[in-house]
Each structure stands twice: as structure tokens, then as C-alpha cells.
Amino acid sequence: MVPNDKGRTWEFLEVGLRLKRLSETNKIQIKVDEIFDIVASVVPITLNESLIHGYDVTEEDCFAHLELNFRFESLSNMVDGVLGQTYRPIYQTRVKISVAMPIMGGAHKFASSHLFATDCAVSKFGRYWKNTGDMSGMQF
């Protein structure tokens, strides 16, 4: 879709979407005008990182991190979710950075019955009525 050369761009102007290669491989920018700007990179895990973090990567393996950098341009102050809540103006992390594997917690707020369900505690898309199976309250 996007040519392999660094700096090449593919645009879908009707919706303000732009995909741009930031390197020949493994790094791209995805931008939707007035909504978001995301840079996605695939970064190989080195043998040293594997030792530090216990990934058990050998010379025969090839593991990578997917790094995502977000910039949102039109979020409401009521944004929520595991990632979304961190964009609130008054957000303060509860994570203890000093521990080996920090955990954010609060999973009970984000649990839902299935991938497309709107029945989690912080849903902004209406409620699924468990008793009747009625989905008429869903707002998209």
C-alpha cells in the first residue's frame, strides 16, 4: 500500500487519513486530521534485553517490541479505559514504578463479557441488558 521508500506517503483525503513511512522498514506514522497521530515501530529485542527481562531469546529466535506513540487531538476530559484514562488532565498514576513488574490495577472497571460488549463499568456506549438480551440501548 505504501511504497517502501522512507518518506513515502499514502493518503485517503476524503477522511483525512495519511500513512507515511518513517524508515524503509518497521516504522510508520498513521495520522487522521484533527483526531490522532500515531507512530508505530517494530524494534528487535537484543540478546542483552532478553537476559535482563528473561525473554529467553536465543540466537535462532527473532523477537520484537511493538512501540506505539500516540498524540490525540480531540479527546474529552471524560476519556476512560486502561490507556485512555492516562490522557485525563487530572490523571495520577497508582503504579509503583519501583517494582519489577508494575501493574496498574482496576481491571474490574474494564472487564466485559466479550470483545464487542459495552457492558463494562466505564462504557460510554450504552448498556447491554443481560436479562433480556436487548441491545437497543447501544449508542454508536
Protein backbone atom coordinates (compact mmCIF):
# COMPACT_ATOMS: atom_id res chain seq x y z
CA MET A 1 0.00 0.00 0.00
CA VAL A 2 2.73 2.49 0.99
CA PRO A 3 5.85 2.32 -1.21
CA ASN A 4 8.96 1.04 0.62
CA ASP A 5 10.98 4.26 0.40
CA LYS A 6 11.47 6.39 3.54
CA GLY A 7 9.24 9.46 3.48
CA ARG A 8 6.69 7.97 1.06
CA THR A 9 3.05 8.70 1.87
CA TRP A 10 -0.34 7.19 1.06
CA GLU A 11 -3.35 9.45 1.59
CA PHE A 12 -7.09 8.99 1.72
CA LEU A 13 -8.03 12.67 1.65
CA GLU A 14 -11.80 12.14 1.93
CA VAL A 15 -11.36 11.16 5.60
CA GLY A 16 -8.08 12.95 6.33
CA LEU A 17 -6.05 9.72 6.66
CA ARG A 18 -2.32 9.68 5.94
CA LEU A 19 0.14 6.79 6.20
CA LYS A 20 3.80 7.76 5.99
CA ARG A 21 6.92 5.60 6.10
CA LEU A 22 9.42 6.98 8.58
CA SER A 23 12.04 4.40 7.57
CA GLU A 24 12.32 1.80 4.81
CA THR A 25 11.12 -0.90 7.23
CA ASN A 26 9.41 -1.22 10.59
CA LYS A 27 8.32 2.39 11.26
CA ILE A 28 5.20 4.20 10.09
CA GLN A 29 3.11 7.24 11.00
CA ILE A 30 -0.69 6.98 10.92
CA LYS A 31 -2.49 10.32 11.08
CA VAL A 32 -6.17 11.25 10.92
CA ASP A 33 -6.61 15.03 10.76
CA GLU A 34 -7.90 16.60 13.99
CA ILE A 35 -8.24 13.18 15.68
CA PHE A 36 -4.89 11.40 16.26
CA ASP A 37 -1.30 10.93 15.21
CA ILE A 38 0.33 7.54 15.89
CA VAL A 39 3.88 6.41 15.23
CA ALA A 40 4.31 2.62 15.21
CA SER A 41 7.74 0.95 15.25
CA VAL A 42 8.85 -2.67 15.36
CA VAL A 43 12.06 -2.87 17.37
CA PRO A 44 14.05 -6.13 17.66
CA ILE A 45 14.77 -7.43 21.17
CA THR A 46 18.52 -7.75 21.64
CA LEU A 47 20.19 -10.66 23.43
CA ASN A 48 21.11 -8.26 26.25
CA GLU A 49 17.45 -7.16 26.69
CA SER A 50 16.43 -10.81 26.66
CA LEU A 51 18.82 -11.54 29.53
CA ILE A 52 17.66 -8.53 31.56
CA HIS A 53 13.93 -9.20 31.11
CA GLY A 54 14.01 -13.01 30.97
CA TYR A 55 12.59 -13.40 27.44
CA ASP A 56 14.82 -16.45 26.75
CA VAL A 57 15.55 -15.29 23.19
CA THR A 58 18.32 -17.31 21.58
CA GLU A 59 20.44 -16.53 18.52
CA GLU A 60 18.00 -18.61 16.46
CA ASP A 61 14.98 -16.55 17.61
CA CYS A 62 13.81 -13.14 16.50
CA PHE A 63 11.54 -11.33 18.94
CA ALA A 64 10.44 -7.71 18.71
CA HIS A 65 8.61 -4.99 20.62
CA LEU A 66 5.79 -3.04 19.02
CA GLU A 67 6.30 0.55 20.13
CA LEU A 68 3.34 2.89 19.78
CA ASN A 69 3.44 6.63 20.39
CA PHE A 70 0.07 8.41 20.46
CA ARG A 71 -0.97 12.03 20.24
CA PHE A 72 -4.70 12.66 20.40
CA GLU A 73 -6.12 15.99 19.29
CA SER A 74 -9.76 15.87 20.35
CA LEU A 75 -10.29 13.77 23.48
CA SER A 76 -12.94 14.64 26.02
CA ASN A 77 -11.92 15.13 29.65
CA MET A 78 -14.05 12.06 30.44
CA VAL A 79 -11.87 9.67 28.41
CA ASP A 80 -11.50 6.31 30.14
CA GLY A 81 -10.07 2.84 29.63
CA VAL A 82 -6.76 1.23 30.51
CA LEU A 83 -4.84 3.59 28.20
CA GLY A 84 -7.43 6.34 27.77
CA GLN A 85 -7.60 7.30 31.44
CA THR A 86 -3.93 8.29 31.33
CA TYR A 87 -4.88 11.17 28.99
CA ARG A 88 -7.20 12.84 31.54
CA PRO A 89 -5.92 16.26 32.67
CA ILE A 90 -6.11 15.24 36.36
CA TYR A 91 -4.77 11.68 35.96
CA GLN A 92 -2.34 10.47 38.64
CA THR A 93 -0.81 7.02 38.29
CA ARG A 94 -1.25 4.44 41.05
CA VAL A 95 1.53 2.29 39.59
CA LYS A 96 4.54 1.63 41.82
CA ILE A 97 7.36 2.20 39.35
CA SER A 98 9.95 0.78 41.77
CA VAL A 99 8.63 -2.80 41.50
CA ALA A 100 10.00 -5.26 38.91
CA MET A 101 6.68 -5.65 37.02
CA PRO A 102 4.37 -2.71 37.76
CA ILE A 103 0.64 -3.42 37.46
CA MET A 104 -1.90 -0.66 37.00
CA GLY A 105 -4.85 -2.45 38.61
CA GLY A 106 -8.50 -1.50 38.23
CA ALA A 107 -9.28 -4.47 35.96
CA HIS A 108 -12.79 -4.69 37.44
CA LYS A 109 -13.63 -1.37 35.72
CA PHE A 110 -12.68 -2.66 32.26
CA ALA A 111 -13.93 -6.27 32.30
CA SER A 112 -16.63 -7.08 29.74
CA SER A 113 -18.48 -10.21 28.66
CA HIS A 114 -16.90 -10.31 25.17
CA LEU A 115 -14.74 -8.29 22.78
CA PHE A 116 -17.57 -6.16 21.34
CA ALA A 117 -19.62 -5.86 24.53
CA THR A 118 -20.48 -2.49 26.06
CA ASP A 119 -21.19 -3.90 29.50
CA CYS A 120 -18.04 -2.78 31.31
CA ALA A 121 -18.37 -0.34 34.20
CA VAL A 122 -16.89 2.64 32.32
CA SER A 123 -18.57 2.06 28.93
CA LYS A 124 -19.60 5.22 27.08
CA PHE A 125 -21.70 3.24 24.55
CA GLY A 126 -24.90 2.38 26.42
CA ARG A 127 -25.69 -0.80 28.28
CA TYR A 128 -26.41 -4.35 27.20
CA TRP A 129 -29.41 -5.58 29.17
CA LYS A 130 -28.33 -9.02 30.42
CA ASN A 131 -31.85 -10.07 31.42
CA THR A 132 -33.47 -9.60 28.01
CA GLY A 133 -30.59 -9.62 25.56
CA ASP A 134 -31.97 -6.29 24.27
CA MET A 135 -29.25 -4.22 22.64
CA SER A 136 -31.45 -1.25 21.70
CA GLY A 137 -29.71 0.93 24.32
CA MET A 138 -26.43 0.78 22.42
CA GLN A 139 -25.27 4.14 21.09
CA PHE A 140 -22.61 4.21 18.41
